[in-house]
């Protein structure tokens, strides 16, 4: 029953307040009802009215009608505090799954000032700010991410309880915002394509972008280094984990291959995401092979973003 009602409510909202990057609030887009404080206030007025009728007290009648008129005037002021406010969608940078996405929203006044405007996505706490007359204010709202792909936070709640808190005027606007969520990085062995190495020893060398022709020395072990290159004699002497370092081997490009991995889709993409970040940090050229997409060997920030985007949208409907 609740699900059917929510679907009908969402369809009605979509027609009345369609999605747009910029929305101005007017009488068609603002709803208003008494708050909990307002309901208690009305109940108190009812008790006072019954007492005035029972005791035929002119003073009680006057106080009841005075407070009732205050409530009616408050309806207008609460509505006017929200009416005319313009909301603009701001940019939102990509994040990794599990992180909090930060979505920017700009509020603009084309007339009067707007006091104590609260906005956010329930059940999270709403963020409150003021907008000066003929001015603007910008806020950054957090939305927790759970999985990769496009995150669409849905309709934003905008409300006002100004000036007395007896009523709440609100609206649900869809600013058509979306955040790209990358897979959560997961450490593991370097997933190289089978054609990019001749044996396991060369695979270990390629994991650092290095060859086997020229031995350069020893360096500290890093996650992902081939275990076959560990210098066990140094470890037995108490020098810690060290690996053999070789000069770069020419004519050998790295290709991160989805098909050589085992496990479910998400764990594979998380491992690939980790190695994309590692290789980009090392400034090492590499390619990426996914089930329906192959990115050629390249290097740089643009290549990094293209690889992470491909991992985020792999198998998903854009």
C-alpha atoms as a PDB file:
ATOM      1  CA  UNK A   1       0.000   0.000   0.000  1.00  0.00           C
ATOM      2  CA  UNK A   2       2.779   2.397   0.970  1.00  0.00           C
ATOM      3  CA  UNK A   3       4.830   1.508  -2.104  1.00  0.00           C
ATOM      4  CA  UNK A   4       1.888   2.134  -4.441  1.00  0.00           C
ATOM      5  CA  UNK A   5       1.219   5.487  -2.764  1.00  0.00           C
ATOM      6  CA  UNK A   6       4.876   6.505  -3.088  1.00  0.00           C
ATOM      7  CA  UNK A   7       4.878   5.647  -6.792  1.00  0.00           C
ATOM      8  CA  UNK A   8       1.753   7.719  -7.416  1.00  0.00           C
ATOM      9  CA  UNK A   9       3.169  10.569  -5.329  1.00  0.00           C
ATOM     10  CA  UNK A  10       6.448  10.539  -7.285  1.00  0.00           C
ATOM     11  CA  UNK A  11       4.612  10.522 -10.610  1.00  0.00           C
ATOM     12  CA  UNK A  12       2.506  13.473  -9.491  1.00  0.00           C
ATOM     13  CA  UNK A  13       5.604  15.341  -8.327  1.00  0.00           C
ATOM     14  CA  UNK A  14       7.356  14.656 -11.630  1.00  0.00           C
ATOM     15  CA  UNK A  15       4.500  16.369 -13.480  1.00  0.00           C
ATOM     16  CA  UNK A  16       4.111  19.265 -11.059  1.00  0.00           C
ATOM     17  CA  UNK A  17       7.841  19.871 -10.415  1.00  0.00           C
ATOM     18  CA  UNK A  18       9.790  18.395 -13.361  1.00  0.00           C
ATOM     19  CA  UNK A  19      13.532  17.820 -13.134  1.00  0.00           C
ATOM     20  CA  UNK A  20      15.654  20.814 -14.127  1.00  0.00           C
ATOM     21  CA  UNK A  21      19.098  22.219 -13.381  1.00  0.00           C
ATOM     22  CA  UNK A  22      17.475  25.434 -12.147  1.00  0.00           C
ATOM     23  CA  UNK A  23      14.130  25.675 -10.302  1.00  0.00           C
ATOM     24  CA  UNK A  24      12.267  28.724  -9.010  1.00  0.00           C
ATOM     25  CA  UNK A  25       9.807  28.092  -6.189  1.00  0.00           C
ATOM     26  CA  UNK A  26       6.275  29.435  -6.664  1.00  0.00           C
ATOM     27  CA  UNK A  27       2.756  28.679  -5.456  1.00  0.00           C
ATOM     28  CA  UNK A  28       2.556  25.494  -7.549  1.00  0.00           C
ATOM     29  CA  UNK A  29       5.752  24.109  -6.039  1.00  0.00           C
ATOM     30  CA  UNK A  30       5.349  25.024  -2.374  1.00  0.00           C
ATOM     31  CA  UNK A  31       3.369  23.030   0.182  1.00  0.00           C
ATOM     32  CA  UNK A  32       2.574  24.246   3.687  1.00  0.00           C
ATOM     33  CA  UNK A  33       1.224  22.564   6.823  1.00  0.00           C
ATOM     34  CA  UNK A  34       1.345  23.193  10.585  1.00  0.00           C
ATOM     35  CA  UNK A  35       4.463  21.879  12.292  1.00  0.00           C
ATOM     36  CA  UNK A  36       4.320  19.920  15.548  1.00  0.00           C
ATOM     37  CA  UNK A  37       4.614  23.194  17.397  1.00  0.00           C
ATOM     38  CA  UNK A  38       1.807  24.592  15.245  1.00  0.00           C
ATOM     39  CA  UNK A  39      -0.467  21.633  16.004  1.00  0.00           C
ATOM     40  CA  UNK A  40       0.151  22.129  19.727  1.00  0.00           C
ATOM     41  CA  UNK A  41      -0.554  25.847  19.280  1.00  0.00           C
ATOM     42  CA  UNK A  42      -3.889  25.125  17.549  1.00  0.00           C
ATOM     43  CA  UNK A  43      -4.845  22.656  20.292  1.00  0.00           C
ATOM     44  CA  UNK A  44      -4.107  25.329  22.900  1.00  0.00           C
ATOM     45  CA  UNK A  45      -6.290  27.792  20.973  1.00  0.00           C
ATOM     46  CA  UNK A  46      -9.126  25.269  20.967  1.00  0.00           C
ATOM     47  CA  UNK A  47      -8.860  24.805  24.731  1.00  0.00           C
ATOM     48  CA  UNK A  48      -8.819  28.582  25.217  1.00  0.00           C
ATOM     49  CA  UNK A  49     -11.905  28.962  23.001  1.00  0.00           C
ATOM     50  CA  UNK A  50     -13.803  26.308  24.967  1.00  0.00           C
ATOM     51  CA  UNK A  51     -12.824  28.025  28.212  1.00  0.00           C
ATOM     52  CA  UNK A  52     -13.979  31.402  26.862  1.00  0.00           C
ATOM     53  CA  UNK A  53     -17.339  29.901  25.809  1.00  0.00           C
ATOM     54  CA  UNK A  54     -17.774  28.160  29.162  1.00  0.00           C
ATOM     55  CA  UNK A  55     -16.975  31.229  31.287  1.00  0.00           C
ATOM     56  CA  UNK A  56     -18.284  33.823  28.813  1.00  0.00           C
ATOM     57  CA  UNK A  57     -15.083  35.822  29.293  1.00  0.00           C
ATOM     58  CA  UNK A  58     -14.556  38.683  26.849  1.00  0.00           C
ATOM     59  CA  UNK A  59     -10.848  38.790  27.723  1.00  0.00           C
ATOM     60  CA  UNK A  60     -10.460  35.083  26.907  1.00  0.00           C
ATOM     61  CA  UNK A  61     -12.311  35.606  23.604  1.00  0.00           C
ATOM     62  CA  UNK A  62     -10.047  38.521  22.698  1.00  0.00           C
ATOM     63  CA  UNK A  63      -6.824  36.636  23.508  1.00  0.00           C
ATOM     64  CA  UNK A  64      -7.972  33.557  21.566  1.00  0.00           C
ATOM     65  CA  UNK A  65      -8.882  35.551  18.450  1.00  0.00           C
ATOM     66  CA  UNK A  66      -5.655  37.585  18.693  1.00  0.00           C
ATOM     67  CA  UNK A  67      -3.508  34.447  18.793  1.00  0.00           C
ATOM     68  CA  UNK A  68      -5.597  32.920  16.002  1.00  0.00           C
ATOM     69  CA  UNK A  69      -4.947  35.948  13.795  1.00  0.00           C
ATOM     70  CA  UNK A  70      -1.215  35.635  14.533  1.00  0.00           C
ATOM     71  CA  UNK A  71      -1.362  32.037  13.279  1.00  0.00           C
ATOM     72  CA  UNK A  72      -3.134  33.105  10.060  1.00  0.00           C
ATOM     73  CA  UNK A  73      -0.635  35.900   9.382  1.00  0.00           C
ATOM     74  CA  UNK A  74       2.210  33.449  10.004  1.00  0.00           C
ATOM     75  CA  UNK A  75       0.919  31.289   7.129  1.00  0.00           C
ATOM     76  CA  UNK A  76       1.547  34.150   4.699  1.00  0.00           C
ATOM     77  CA  UNK A  77       5.007  35.006   6.063  1.00  0.00           C
ATOM     78  CA  UNK A  78       6.144  31.376   6.087  1.00  0.00           C
ATOM     79  CA  UNK A  79       5.070  30.960   2.476  1.00  0.00           C
ATOM     80  CA  UNK A  80       6.650  34.248   1.349  1.00  0.00           C
ATOM     81  CA  UNK A  81       9.976  33.266   2.903  1.00  0.00           C
ATOM     82  CA  UNK A  82      10.234  30.373   0.447  1.00  0.00           C
ATOM     83  CA  UNK A  83       8.431  31.842  -2.568  1.00  0.00           C
ATOM     84  CA  UNK A  84      10.664  33.280  -5.273  1.00  0.00           C
ATOM     85  CA  UNK A  85      13.760  31.395  -4.165  1.00  0.00           C
ATOM     86  CA  UNK A  86      15.788  29.987  -7.096  1.00  0.00           C
ATOM     87  CA  UNK A  87      17.858  26.827  -6.757  1.00  0.00           C
ATOM     88  CA  UNK A  88      20.711  26.029  -9.145  1.00  0.00           C
ATOM     89  CA  UNK A  89      22.537  22.700  -9.427  1.00  0.00           C
ATOM     90  CA  UNK A  90      26.280  22.944  -8.931  1.00  0.00           C
ATOM     91  CA  UNK A  91      29.050  20.598  -9.956  1.00  0.00           C
ATOM     92  CA  UNK A  92      29.997  17.430  -8.118  1.00  0.00           C
ATOM     93  CA  UNK A  93      33.335  15.672  -8.458  1.00  0.00           C
ATOM     94  CA  UNK A  94      33.627  11.876  -8.734  1.00  0.00           C
ATOM     95  CA  UNK A  95      34.312   9.812  -5.613  1.00  0.00           C
ATOM     96  CA  UNK A  96      35.155   6.222  -4.746  1.00  0.00           C
ATOM     97  CA  UNK A  97      32.498   3.835  -3.431  1.00  0.00           C
ATOM     98  CA  UNK A  98      32.132   4.202   0.324  1.00  0.00           C
ATOM     99  CA  UNK A  99      33.091   7.882   0.325  1.00  0.00           C
ATOM    100  CA  UNK A 100      30.685  10.778   0.798  1.00  0.00           C
ATOM    101  CA  UNK A 101      29.762  12.574  -2.410  1.00  0.00           C
ATOM    102  CA  UNK A 102      29.692  16.367  -2.159  1.00  0.00           C
ATOM    103  CA  UNK A 103      26.993  18.036  -4.253  1.00  0.00           C
ATOM    104  CA  UNK A 104      26.911  21.820  -4.531  1.00  0.00           C
ATOM    105  CA  UNK A 105      23.648  23.774  -4.628  1.00  0.00           C
ATOM    106  CA  UNK A 106      23.398  27.538  -5.127  1.00  0.00           C
ATOM    107  CA  UNK A 107      20.432  29.498  -3.757  1.00  0.00           C
ATOM    108  CA  UNK A 108      19.604  32.818  -5.379  1.00  0.00           C
ATOM    109  CA  UNK A 109      17.237  35.614  -4.351  1.00  0.00           C
ATOM    110  CA  UNK A 110      15.730  37.817  -7.031  1.00  0.00           C
ATOM    111  CA  UNK A 111      13.833  39.960  -4.542  1.00  0.00           C
ATOM    112  CA  UNK A 112      13.432  39.798  -0.780  1.00  0.00           C
ATOM    113  CA  UNK A 113      15.763  38.059   1.647  1.00  0.00           C
ATOM    114  CA  UNK A 114      15.121  34.435   2.579  1.00  0.00           C
ATOM    115  CA  UNK A 115      15.816  33.483   6.190  1.00  0.00           C
ATOM    116  CA  UNK A 116      16.692  30.091   7.679  1.00  0.00           C
ATOM    117  CA  UNK A 117      16.276  27.993   4.529  1.00  0.00           C
ATOM    118  CA  UNK A 118      16.937  24.317   5.253  1.00  0.00           C
ATOM    119  CA  UNK A 119      17.750  21.788   2.537  1.00  0.00           C
ATOM    120  CA  UNK A 120      19.047  18.249   2.205  1.00  0.00           C
ATOM    121  CA  UNK A 121      18.044  14.637   1.654  1.00  0.00           C
ATOM    122  CA  UNK A 122      16.129  13.102   4.586  1.00  0.00           C
ATOM    123  CA  UNK A 123      16.709  11.232   6.803  1.00  0.00           C
ATOM    124  CA  UNK A 124      20.033  13.091   6.911  1.00  0.00           C
ATOM    125  CA  UNK A 125      20.049  16.351   8.848  1.00  0.00           C
ATOM    126  CA  UNK A 126      19.127  19.370   6.745  1.00  0.00           C
ATOM    127  CA  UNK A 127      21.640  22.177   6.261  1.00  0.00           C
ATOM    128  CA  UNK A 128      20.396  25.677   7.066  1.00  0.00           C
ATOM    129  CA  UNK A 129      21.490  28.977   5.528  1.00  0.00           C
ATOM    130  CA  UNK A 130      20.278  32.515   4.809  1.00  0.00           C
ATOM    131  CA  UNK A 131      20.057  34.217   1.427  1.00  0.00           C
ATOM    132  CA  UNK A 132      20.424  37.989   1.329  1.00  0.00           C
ATOM    133  CA  UNK A 133      18.093  40.149  -0.764  1.00  0.00           C
ATOM    134  CA  UNK A 134      19.239  40.206  -4.403  1.00  0.00           C
ATOM    135  CA  UNK A 135      22.073  37.913  -3.346  1.00  0.00           C
ATOM    136  CA  UNK A 136      23.023  34.267  -3.413  1.00  0.00           C
ATOM    137  CA  UNK A 137      24.451  31.578  -1.148  1.00  0.00           C
ATOM    138  CA  UNK A 138      26.085  28.245  -1.932  1.00  0.00           C
ATOM    139  CA  UNK A 139      26.171  25.111   0.159  1.00  0.00           C
ATOM    140  CA  UNK A 140      27.707  21.664  -0.193  1.00  0.00           C
ATOM    141  CA  UNK A 141      25.527  18.697   0.687  1.00  0.00           C
ATOM    142  CA  UNK A 142      26.844  15.239   1.503  1.00  0.00           C
ATOM    143  CA  UNK A 143      25.425  11.989   0.158  1.00  0.00           C
ATOM    144  CA  UNK A 144      26.892   8.648   1.225  1.00  0.00           C
ATOM    145  CA  UNK A 145      27.799   6.290  -1.620  1.00  0.00           C
ATOM    146  CA  UNK A 146      27.397   2.522  -1.494  1.00  0.00           C
ATOM    147  CA  UNK A 147      28.207   1.202  -4.975  1.00  0.00           C
ATOM    148  CA  UNK A 148      29.898   2.279  -8.192  1.00  0.00           C
ATOM    149  CA  UNK A 149      28.144   3.894 -11.150  1.00  0.00           C
ATOM    150  CA  UNK A 150      26.013   6.981 -11.382  1.00  0.00           C
ATOM    151  CA  UNK A 151      24.610   8.218  -8.086  1.00  0.00           C
ATOM    152  CA  UNK A 152      21.397  10.185  -8.511  1.00  0.00           C
ATOM    153  CA  UNK A 153      20.360  11.487  -5.094  1.00  0.00           C
ATOM    154  CA  UNK A 154      16.764  12.162  -6.086  1.00  0.00           C
ATOM    155  CA  UNK A 155      14.536  15.007  -4.981  1.00  0.00           C
ATOM    156  CA  UNK A 156      16.006  17.601  -2.651  1.00  0.00           C
ATOM    157  CA  UNK A 157      13.855  18.778   0.266  1.00  0.00           C
ATOM    158  CA  UNK A 158      13.796  22.557   0.745  1.00  0.00           C
ATOM    159  CA  UNK A 159      11.865  23.908   3.725  1.00  0.00           C
ATOM    160  CA  UNK A 160      11.305  26.978   5.876  1.00  0.00           C
ATOM    161  CA  UNK A 161       9.823  27.339   9.367  1.00  0.00           C
ATOM    162  CA  UNK A 162      10.487  31.056   9.546  1.00  0.00           C
ATOM    163  CA  UNK A 163       9.369  33.197  11.380  1.00  0.00           C
ATOM    164  CA  UNK A 164       7.686  31.461  14.349  1.00  0.00           C
ATOM    165  CA  UNK A 165       8.064  27.758  13.605  1.00  0.00           C
ATOM    166  CA  UNK A 166       4.293  27.232  13.730  1.00  0.00           C
ATOM    167  CA  UNK A 167       4.166  26.119  10.100  1.00  0.00           C
ATOM    168  CA  UNK A 168       6.528  24.402   7.712  1.00  0.00           C
ATOM    169  CA  UNK A 169       6.591  25.335   4.027  1.00  0.00           C
ATOM    170  CA  UNK A 170       8.485  22.884   1.852  1.00  0.00           C
ATOM    171  CA  UNK A 171       9.140  21.693  -1.655  1.00  0.00           C
ATOM    172  CA  UNK A 172      10.754  18.644  -3.264  1.00  0.00           C
ATOM    173  CA  UNK A 173      12.858  19.690  -6.242  1.00  0.00           C
ATOM    174  CA  UNK A 174      14.862  17.538  -8.631  1.00  0.00           C
ATOM    175  CA  UNK A 175      17.963  19.436  -9.781  1.00  0.00           C
ATOM    176  CA  UNK A 176      18.926  16.587 -12.101  1.00  0.00           C
ATOM    177  CA  UNK A 177      22.255  16.070 -10.340  1.00  0.00           C
ATOM    178  CA  UNK A 178      24.444  12.992 -10.694  1.00  0.00           C
ATOM    179  CA  UNK A 179      27.795  11.912  -9.271  1.00  0.00           C
ATOM    180  CA  UNK A 180      30.093   9.333 -10.837  1.00  0.00           C
ATOM    181  CA  UNK A 181      31.182   6.761  -8.249  1.00  0.00           C
ATOM    182  CA  UNK A 182      34.354   4.782  -8.942  1.00  0.00           C
ATOM    183  CA  UNK A 183      34.849   1.228  -7.594  1.00  0.00           C
ATOM    184  CA  UNK A 184      36.345   0.884  -4.147  1.00  0.00           C
ATOM    185  CA  UNK A 185      40.121   0.182  -4.594  1.00  0.00           C
ATOM    186  CA  UNK A 186      41.191  -3.293  -3.481  1.00  0.00           C
ATOM    187  CA  UNK A 187      44.834  -4.358  -3.169  1.00  0.00           C
ATOM    188  CA  UNK A 188      46.012  -7.541  -4.853  1.00  0.00           C
ATOM    189  CA  UNK A 189      48.317  -9.067  -7.447  1.00  0.00           C
ATOM    190  CA  UNK A 190      48.894  -7.171 -10.681  1.00  0.00           C
ATOM    191  CA  UNK A 191      46.365  -8.465 -13.311  1.00  0.00           C
ATOM    192  CA  UNK A 192      48.435  -8.439 -16.509  1.00  0.00           C
ATOM    193  CA  UNK A 193      47.244  -9.820 -19.832  1.00  0.00           C
ATOM    194  CA  UNK A 194      48.688 -13.222 -20.721  1.00  0.00           C
ATOM    195  CA  UNK A 195      50.220 -11.874 -23.913  1.00  0.00           C
ATOM    196  CA  UNK A 196      52.128  -9.216 -22.055  1.00  0.00           C
ATOM    197  CA  UNK A 197      54.565 -11.609 -20.345  1.00  0.00           C
ATOM    198  CA  UNK A 198      56.426 -14.787 -21.083  1.00  0.00           C
ATOM    199  CA  UNK A 199      56.569 -16.267 -17.598  1.00  0.00           C
ATOM    200  CA  UNK A 200      55.885 -15.456 -13.978  1.00  0.00           C
ATOM    201  CA  UNK A 201      59.332 -13.931 -13.460  1.00  0.00           C
ATOM    202  CA  UNK A 202      58.777 -11.410 -16.239  1.00  0.00           C
ATOM    203  CA  UNK A 203      55.311 -10.697 -14.881  1.00  0.00           C
ATOM    204  CA  UNK A 204      56.860  -9.713 -11.581  1.00  0.00           C
ATOM    205  CA  UNK A 205      59.282  -7.441 -13.375  1.00  0.00           C
ATOM    206  CA  UNK A 206      56.492  -5.860 -15.379  1.00  0.00           C
ATOM    207  CA  UNK A 207      54.539  -5.135 -12.209  1.00  0.00           C
ATOM    208  CA  UNK A 208      57.140  -2.441 -11.572  1.00  0.00           C
ATOM    209  CA  UNK A 209      57.617  -1.579 -15.259  1.00  0.00           C
ATOM    210  CA  UNK A 210      61.143  -3.068 -15.126  1.00  0.00           C
ATOM    211  CA  UNK A 211      63.135  -5.644 -17.087  1.00  0.00           C
ATOM    212  CA  UNK A 212      65.641  -8.316 -16.266  1.00  0.00           C
ATOM    213  CA  UNK A 213      68.631  -7.302 -18.394  1.00  0.00           C
ATOM    214  CA  UNK A 214      70.305  -4.919 -15.931  1.00  0.00           C
ATOM    215  CA  UNK A 215      70.284  -5.535 -12.170  1.00  0.00           C
ATOM    216  CA  UNK A 216      70.312  -2.203 -10.333  1.00  0.00           C
ATOM    217  CA  UNK A 217      70.190  -3.212  -6.674  1.00  0.00           C
ATOM    218  CA  UNK A 218      67.708  -3.732  -3.847  1.00  0.00           C
ATOM    219  CA  UNK A 219      64.796  -1.627  -2.731  1.00  0.00           C
ATOM    220  CA  UNK A 220      62.053  -1.823  -0.085  1.00  0.00           C
ATOM    221  CA  UNK A 221      59.174  -4.201  -0.776  1.00  0.00           C
ATOM    222  CA  UNK A 222      55.877  -2.623  -1.872  1.00  0.00           C
ATOM    223  CA  UNK A 223      52.448  -4.289  -2.089  1.00  0.00           C
ATOM    224  CA  UNK A 224      52.100  -5.875  -5.535  1.00  0.00           C
ATOM    225  CA  UNK A 225      55.778  -6.756  -5.973  1.00  0.00           C
ATOM    226  CA  UNK A 226      56.416 -10.275  -7.218  1.00  0.00           C
ATOM    227  CA  UNK A 227      57.292 -12.672  -4.408  1.00  0.00           C
ATOM    228  CA  UNK A 228      59.819 -14.387  -6.686  1.00  0.00           C
ATOM    229  CA  UNK A 229      61.930 -11.238  -6.633  1.00  0.00           C
ATOM    230  CA  UNK A 230      62.172 -11.087  -2.838  1.00  0.00           C
ATOM    231  CA  UNK A 231      65.733 -11.135  -1.493  1.00  0.00           C
ATOM    232  CA  UNK A 232      65.345 -13.806   1.193  1.00  0.00           C
ATOM    233  CA  UNK A 233      68.981 -13.687   2.261  1.00  0.00           C
ATOM    234  CA  UNK A 234      68.657 -10.038   3.258  1.00  0.00           C
ATOM    235  CA  UNK A 235      65.410 -10.846   5.087  1.00  0.00           C
ATOM    236  CA  UNK A 236      67.122 -13.668   7.035  1.00  0.00           C
ATOM    237  CA  UNK A 237      69.814 -11.208   8.114  1.00  0.00           C
ATOM    238  CA  UNK A 238      67.195  -8.911   9.617  1.00  0.00           C
ATOM    239  CA  UNK A 239      67.260  -6.226   6.889  1.00  0.00           C
ATOM    240  CA  UNK A 240      63.517  -6.411   6.252  1.00  0.00           C
ATOM    241  CA  UNK A 241      61.695  -7.282   3.041  1.00  0.00           C
ATOM    242  CA  UNK A 242      63.738  -6.204   0.003  1.00  0.00           C
ATOM    243  CA  UNK A 243      63.189  -6.901  -3.684  1.00  0.00           C
ATOM    244  CA  UNK A 244      65.600  -7.008  -6.610  1.00  0.00           C
ATOM    245  CA  UNK A 245      65.416  -3.917  -8.801  1.00  0.00           C
ATOM    246  CA  UNK A 246      66.104  -4.133 -12.545  1.00  0.00           C
ATOM    247  CA  UNK A 247      66.522  -1.587 -15.290  1.00  0.00           C
ATOM    248  CA  UNK A 248      63.515  -0.834 -17.454  1.00  0.00           C
ATOM    249  CA  UNK A 249      62.871  -3.308 -20.233  1.00  0.00           C
ATOM    250  CA  UNK A 250      62.107  -1.642 -23.547  1.00  0.00           C
ATOM    251  CA  UNK A 251      59.294  -2.662 -25.869  1.00  0.00           C
ATOM    252  CA  UNK A 252      57.117  -4.015 -23.067  1.00  0.00           C
ATOM    253  CA  UNK A 253      53.757  -2.352 -22.288  1.00  0.00           C
ATOM    254  CA  UNK A 254      51.479  -3.161 -19.380  1.00  0.00           C
ATOM    255  CA  UNK A 255      47.900  -4.214 -20.080  1.00  0.00           C
ATOM    256  CA  UNK A 256      45.573  -4.631 -17.110  1.00  0.00           C
ATOM    257  CA  UNK A 257      43.258  -7.471 -18.102  1.00  0.00           C
ATOM    258  CA  UNK A 258      39.846  -8.123 -16.566  1.00  0.00           C
ATOM    259  CA  UNK A 259      39.697 -11.691 -17.929  1.00  0.00           C
ATOM    260  CA  UNK A 260      42.782 -12.976 -16.107  1.00  0.00           C
ATOM    261  CA  UNK A 261      41.168 -12.262 -12.720  1.00  0.00           C
ATOM    262  CA  UNK A 262      38.970 -14.589 -10.706  1.00  0.00           C
ATOM    263  CA  UNK A 263      36.066 -13.639  -8.477  1.00  0.00           C
ATOM    264  CA  UNK A 264      32.895 -11.660  -8.930  1.00  0.00           C
ATOM    265  CA  UNK A 265      32.522  -8.551 -11.074  1.00  0.00           C
ATOM    266  CA  UNK A 266      32.878  -6.011  -8.271  1.00  0.00           C
ATOM    267  CA  UNK A 267      36.021  -7.538  -6.754  1.00  0.00           C
ATOM    268  CA  UNK A 268      37.700  -7.651 -10.179  1.00  0.00           C
ATOM    269  CA  UNK A 269      36.863  -4.023 -10.903  1.00  0.00           C
ATOM    270  CA  UNK A 270      38.049  -2.982  -7.432  1.00  0.00           C
ATOM    271  CA  UNK A 271      41.408  -4.684  -8.003  1.00  0.00           C
ATOM    272  CA  UNK A 272      41.778  -3.043 -11.409  1.00  0.00           C
ATOM    273  CA  UNK A 273      40.892   0.308  -9.847  1.00  0.00           C
ATOM    274  CA  UNK A 274      43.675  -0.122  -7.297  1.00  0.00           C
ATOM    275  CA  UNK A 275      46.271  -0.812  -9.994  1.00  0.00           C
ATOM    276  CA  UNK A 276      45.100   2.082 -12.149  1.00  0.00           C
ATOM    277  CA  UNK A 277      45.778   4.391  -9.199  1.00  0.00           C
ATOM    278  CA  UNK A 278      49.134   2.773  -8.418  1.00  0.00           C
ATOM    279  CA  UNK A 279      50.432   2.892 -11.991  1.00  0.00           C
ATOM    280  CA  UNK A 280      49.260   6.465 -12.482  1.00  0.00           C
ATOM    281  CA  UNK A 281      51.034   7.490  -9.292  1.00  0.00           C
ATOM    282  CA  UNK A 282      54.221   5.842 -10.626  1.00  0.00           C
ATOM    283  CA  UNK A 283      53.811   7.665 -13.967  1.00  0.00           C
ATOM    284  CA  UNK A 284      53.929   4.313 -15.781  1.00  0.00           C
ATOM    285  CA  UNK A 285      52.132   3.780 -19.130  1.00  0.00           C
ATOM    286  CA  UNK A 286      49.517   1.030 -19.191  1.00  0.00           C
ATOM    287  CA  UNK A 287      46.394  -0.121 -20.996  1.00  0.00           C
ATOM    288  CA  UNK A 288      43.113  -1.473 -19.677  1.00  0.00           C
ATOM    289  CA  UNK A 289      41.073  -4.340 -21.099  1.00  0.00           C
ATOM    290  CA  UNK A 290      37.461  -4.758 -19.963  1.00  0.00           C
ATOM    291  CA  UNK A 291      34.757  -7.123 -21.294  1.00  0.00           C
ATOM    292  CA  UNK A 292      33.270  -4.556 -23.680  1.00  0.00           C
ATOM    293  CA  UNK A 293      35.972  -1.902 -23.865  1.00  0.00           C
ATOM    294  CA  UNK A 294      39.729  -1.662 -24.396  1.00  0.00           C
ATOM    295  CA  UNK A 295      41.680   1.477 -23.526  1.00  0.00           C
ATOM    296  CA  UNK A 296      45.053   1.725 -25.302  1.00  0.00           C
ATOM    297  CA  UNK A 297      48.349   2.181 -23.494  1.00  0.00           C
ATOM    298  CA  UNK A 298      48.753   5.776 -22.343  1.00  0.00           C
ATOM    299  CA  UNK A 299      49.764   7.889 -19.377  1.00  0.00           C
ATOM    300  CA  UNK A 300      48.595  11.072 -17.673  1.00  0.00           C
ATOM    301  CA  UNK A 301      45.651  12.499 -15.786  1.00  0.00           C
ATOM    302  CA  UNK A 302      43.253  12.178 -18.708  1.00  0.00           C
ATOM    303  CA  UNK A 303      44.086   8.486 -19.126  1.00  0.00           C
ATOM    304  CA  UNK A 304      43.533   8.002 -15.395  1.00  0.00           C
ATOM    305  CA  UNK A 305      40.077   9.572 -15.527  1.00  0.00           C
ATOM    306  CA  UNK A 306      39.117   7.568 -18.625  1.00  0.00           C
ATOM    307  CA  UNK A 307      40.141   4.287 -16.973  1.00  0.00           C
ATOM    308  CA  UNK A 308      38.331   5.053 -13.720  1.00  0.00           C
ATOM    309  CA  UNK A 309      35.209   6.089 -15.621  1.00  0.00           C
ATOM    310  CA  UNK A 310      35.278   2.877 -17.659  1.00  0.00           C
ATOM    311  CA  UNK A 311      35.587   0.837 -14.450  1.00  0.00           C
ATOM    312  CA  UNK A 312      32.734   2.750 -12.811  1.00  0.00           C
ATOM    313  CA  UNK A 313      30.373   2.191 -15.740  1.00  0.00           C
ATOM    314  CA  UNK A 314      31.443  -1.334 -16.685  1.00  0.00           C
ATOM    315  CA  UNK A 315      28.297  -3.421 -17.225  1.00  0.00           C
ATOM    316  CA  UNK A 316      26.046  -0.551 -16.142  1.00  0.00           C
ATOM    317  CA  UNK A 317      23.388   1.303 -18.080  1.00  0.00           C
ATOM    318  CA  UNK A 318      24.549   4.883 -18.507  1.00  0.00           C
END
